Amino acid sequence: MNKITWADIVFCVVVSMAIASVICVWLFIEAIFEKVAG
């Protein structure tokens, strides 16, 4: 088993935040489109 390093933890956190940001932006855009479409 490899030891988990701080680099691994930071990488996981950054990736998780990036995915969460993409999902939030996607939901936000979808909501705007629904309002525009009526």
PDB file of N, CA and C in Angstrom:
ATOM      1  N   MET A   1       0.840  -1.210   0.000  1.00  0.00           N
ATOM      2  CA  MET A   1       0.000   0.000   0.000  1.00  0.00           C
ATOM      3  C   MET A   1       0.871   1.255   0.000  1.00  0.00           C
ATOM      4  N   ASN A   2       0.561   2.163  -0.874  1.00  0.00           N
ATOM      5  CA  ASN A   2       1.274   3.440  -0.874  1.00  0.00           C
ATOM      6  C   ASN A   2       0.697   4.346   0.206  1.00  0.00           C
ATOM      7  N   LYS A   3       1.571   5.144   0.784  1.00  0.00           N
ATOM      8  CA  LYS A   3       1.095   6.112   1.771  1.00  0.00           C
ATOM      9  C   LYS A   3       0.380   7.245   1.046  1.00  0.00           C
ATOM     10  N   ILE A   4      -0.646   7.775   1.688  1.00  0.00           N
ATOM     11  CA  ILE A   4      -1.338   8.936   1.121  1.00  0.00           C
ATOM     12  C   ILE A   4      -0.550  10.179   1.531  1.00  0.00           C
ATOM     13  N   THR A   5      -0.166  10.970   0.538  1.00  0.00           N
ATOM     14  CA  THR A   5       0.604  12.176   0.823  1.00  0.00           C
ATOM     15  C   THR A   5      -0.313  13.391   0.809  1.00  0.00           C
ATOM     16  N   TRP A   6       0.223  14.520   1.280  1.00  0.00           N
ATOM     17  CA  TRP A   6      -0.553  15.761   1.260  1.00  0.00           C
ATOM     18  C   TRP A   6      -0.918  16.121  -0.170  1.00  0.00           C
ATOM     19  N   ALA A   7      -0.022  15.815  -1.110  1.00  0.00           N
ATOM     20  CA  ALA A   7      -0.296  16.116  -2.517  1.00  0.00           C
ATOM     21  C   ALA A   7      -1.540  15.372  -2.983  1.00  0.00           C
ATOM     22  N   ASP A   8      -1.680  14.113  -2.557  1.00  0.00           N
ATOM     23  CA  ASP A   8      -2.859  13.321  -2.937  1.00  0.00           C
ATOM     24  C   ASP A   8      -4.130  13.945  -2.364  1.00  0.00           C
ATOM     25  N   ILE A   9      -4.058  14.373  -1.099  1.00  0.00           N
ATOM     26  CA  ILE A   9      -5.224  14.965  -0.445  1.00  0.00           C
ATOM     27  C   ILE A   9      -5.613  16.263  -1.139  1.00  0.00           C
ATOM     28  N   VAL A  10      -4.624  17.125  -1.392  1.00  0.00           N
ATOM     29  CA  VAL A  10      -4.892  18.405  -2.055  1.00  0.00           C
ATOM     30  C   VAL A  10      -5.478  18.158  -3.434  1.00  0.00           C
ATOM     31  N   PHE A  11      -4.903  17.204  -4.166  1.00  0.00           N
ATOM     32  CA  PHE A  11      -5.398  16.888  -5.512  1.00  0.00           C
ATOM     33  C   PHE A  11      -6.860  16.455  -5.460  1.00  0.00           C
ATOM     34  N   CYS A  12      -7.188  15.579  -4.516  1.00  0.00           N
ATOM     35  CA  CYS A  12      -8.575  15.102  -4.385  1.00  0.00           C
ATOM     36  C   CYS A  12      -9.518  16.251  -4.067  1.00  0.00           C
ATOM     37  N   VAL A  13      -9.103  17.145  -3.170  1.00  0.00           N
ATOM     38  CA  VAL A  13      -9.948  18.282  -2.797  1.00  0.00           C
ATOM     39  C   VAL A  13     -10.163  19.196  -3.991  1.00  0.00           C
ATOM     40  N   VAL A  14      -9.088  19.479  -4.735  1.00  0.00           N
ATOM     41  CA  VAL A  14      -9.196  20.362  -5.899  1.00  0.00           C
ATOM     42  C   VAL A  14     -10.128  19.755  -6.942  1.00  0.00           C
ATOM     43  N   VAL A  15      -9.968  18.456  -7.197  1.00  0.00           N
ATOM     44  CA  VAL A  15     -10.825  17.787  -8.186  1.00  0.00           C
ATOM     45  C   VAL A  15     -12.283  17.825  -7.729  1.00  0.00           C
ATOM     46  N   SER A  16     -12.519  17.560  -6.443  1.00  0.00           N
ATOM     47  CA  SER A  16     -13.885  17.578  -5.916  1.00  0.00           C
ATOM     48  C   SER A  16     -14.506  18.961  -6.064  1.00  0.00           C
ATOM     49  N   MET A  17     -13.730  20.012  -5.747  1.00  0.00           N
ATOM     50  CA  MET A  17     -14.236  21.377  -5.865  1.00  0.00           C
ATOM     51  C   MET A  17     -14.526  21.716  -7.321  1.00  0.00           C
ATOM     52  N   ALA A  18     -13.668  21.268  -8.221  1.00  0.00           N
ATOM     53  CA  ALA A  18     -13.867  21.543  -9.642  1.00  0.00           C
ATOM     54  C   ALA A  18     -15.155  20.895 -10.136  1.00  0.00           C
ATOM     55  N   ILE A  19     -15.377  19.646  -9.738  1.00  0.00           N
ATOM     56  CA  ILE A  19     -16.592  18.936 -10.157  1.00  0.00           C
ATOM     57  C   ILE A  19     -17.824  19.634  -9.581  1.00  0.00           C
ATOM     58  N   ALA A  20     -17.759  20.013  -8.306  1.00  0.00           N
ATOM     59  CA  ALA A  20     -18.890  20.696  -7.675  1.00  0.00           C
ATOM     60  C   ALA A  20     -19.175  22.018  -8.377  1.00  0.00           C
ATOM     61  N   SER A  21     -18.124  22.744  -8.752  1.00  0.00           N
ATOM     62  CA  SER A  21     -18.300  24.025  -9.438  1.00  0.00           C
ATOM     63  C   SER A  21     -18.977  23.827 -10.779  1.00  0.00           C
ATOM     64  N   VAL A  22     -18.541  22.813 -11.520  1.00  0.00           N
ATOM     65  CA  VAL A  22     -19.134  22.538 -12.832  1.00  0.00           C
ATOM     66  C   VAL A  22     -20.615  22.220 -12.679  1.00  0.00           C
ATOM     67  N   ILE A  23     -20.957  21.397 -11.677  1.00  0.00           N
ATOM     68  CA  ILE A  23     -22.357  21.024 -11.460  1.00  0.00           C
ATOM     69  C   ILE A  23     -23.177  22.261 -11.098  1.00  0.00           C
ATOM     70  N   CYS A  24     -22.647  23.119 -10.217  1.00  0.00           N
ATOM     71  CA  CYS A  24     -23.374  24.328  -9.817  1.00  0.00           C
ATOM     72  C   CYS A  24     -23.603  25.237 -11.015  1.00  0.00           C
ATOM     73  N   VAL A  25     -22.572  25.434 -11.826  1.00  0.00           N
ATOM     74  CA  VAL A  25     -22.702  26.291 -13.008  1.00  0.00           C
ATOM     75  C   VAL A  25     -23.723  25.700 -13.965  1.00  0.00           C
ATOM     76  N   TRP A  26     -23.670  24.387 -14.164  1.00  0.00           N
ATOM     77  CA  TRP A  26     -24.614  23.728 -15.084  1.00  0.00           C
ATOM     78  C   TRP A  26     -26.049  23.926 -14.609  1.00  0.00           C
ATOM     79  N   LEU A  27     -26.305  23.715 -13.296  1.00  0.00           N
ATOM     80  CA  LEU A  27     -27.656  23.891 -12.753  1.00  0.00           C
ATOM     81  C   LEU A  27     -28.101  25.342 -12.888  1.00  0.00           C
ATOM     82  N   PHE A  28     -27.179  26.275 -12.665  1.00  0.00           N
ATOM     83  CA  PHE A  28     -27.489  27.704 -12.768  1.00  0.00           C
ATOM     84  C   PHE A  28     -27.890  28.056 -14.198  1.00  0.00           C
ATOM     85  N   ILE A  29     -27.110  27.582 -15.176  1.00  0.00           N
ATOM     86  CA  ILE A  29     -27.409  27.847 -16.588  1.00  0.00           C
ATOM     87  C   ILE A  29     -28.743  27.209 -16.966  1.00  0.00           C
ATOM     88  N   GLU A  30     -28.976  25.994 -16.497  1.00  0.00           N
ATOM     89  CA  GLU A  30     -30.223  25.296 -16.804  1.00  0.00           C
ATOM     90  C   GLU A  30     -31.421  26.086 -16.272  1.00  0.00           C
ATOM     91  N   ALA A  31     -31.297  26.623 -15.062  1.00  0.00           N
ATOM     92  CA  ALA A  31     -32.378  27.411 -14.465  1.00  0.00           C
ATOM     93  C   ALA A  31     -32.640  28.666 -15.290  1.00  0.00           C
ATOM     94  N   ILE A  32     -31.574  29.321 -15.759  1.00  0.00           N
ATOM     95  CA  ILE A  32     -31.736  30.526 -16.585  1.00  0.00           C
ATOM     96  C   ILE A  32     -32.444  30.167 -17.883  1.00  0.00           C
ATOM     97  N   PHE A  33     -32.040  29.083 -18.512  1.00  0.00           N
ATOM     98  CA  PHE A  33     -32.673  28.676 -19.770  1.00  0.00           C
ATOM     99  C   PHE A  33     -34.156  28.400 -19.561  1.00  0.00           C
ATOM    100  N   GLU A  34     -34.504  27.782 -18.427  1.00  0.00           N
ATOM    101  CA  GLU A  34     -35.914  27.490 -18.154  1.00  0.00           C
ATOM    102  C   GLU A  34     -36.703  28.788 -18.007  1.00  0.00           C
ATOM    103  N   LYS A  35     -36.104  29.793 -17.348  1.00  0.00           N
ATOM    104  CA  LYS A  35     -36.787  31.082 -17.187  1.00  0.00           C
ATOM    105  C   LYS A  35     -36.947  31.760 -18.544  1.00  0.00           C
ATOM    106  N   VAL A  36     -35.890  31.735 -19.357  1.00  0.00           N
ATOM    107  CA  VAL A  36     -35.938  32.379 -20.671  1.00  0.00           C
ATOM    108  C   VAL A  36     -36.968  31.686 -21.560  1.00  0.00           C
ATOM    109  N   ALA A  37     -36.992  30.361 -21.490  1.00  0.00           N
ATOM    110  CA  ALA A  37     -37.920  29.596 -22.324  1.00  0.00           C
ATOM    111  C   ALA A  37     -39.366  29.784 -21.840  1.00  0.00           C
ATOM    112  N   GLY A  38     -39.507  30.162 -20.586  1.00  0.00           N
ATOM    113  CA  GLY A  38     -40.835  30.390 -20.054  1.00  0.00           C
ATOM    114  C   GLY A  38     -41.361  29.155 -19.371  1.00  0.00           C
TER     115      GLY A  38
END
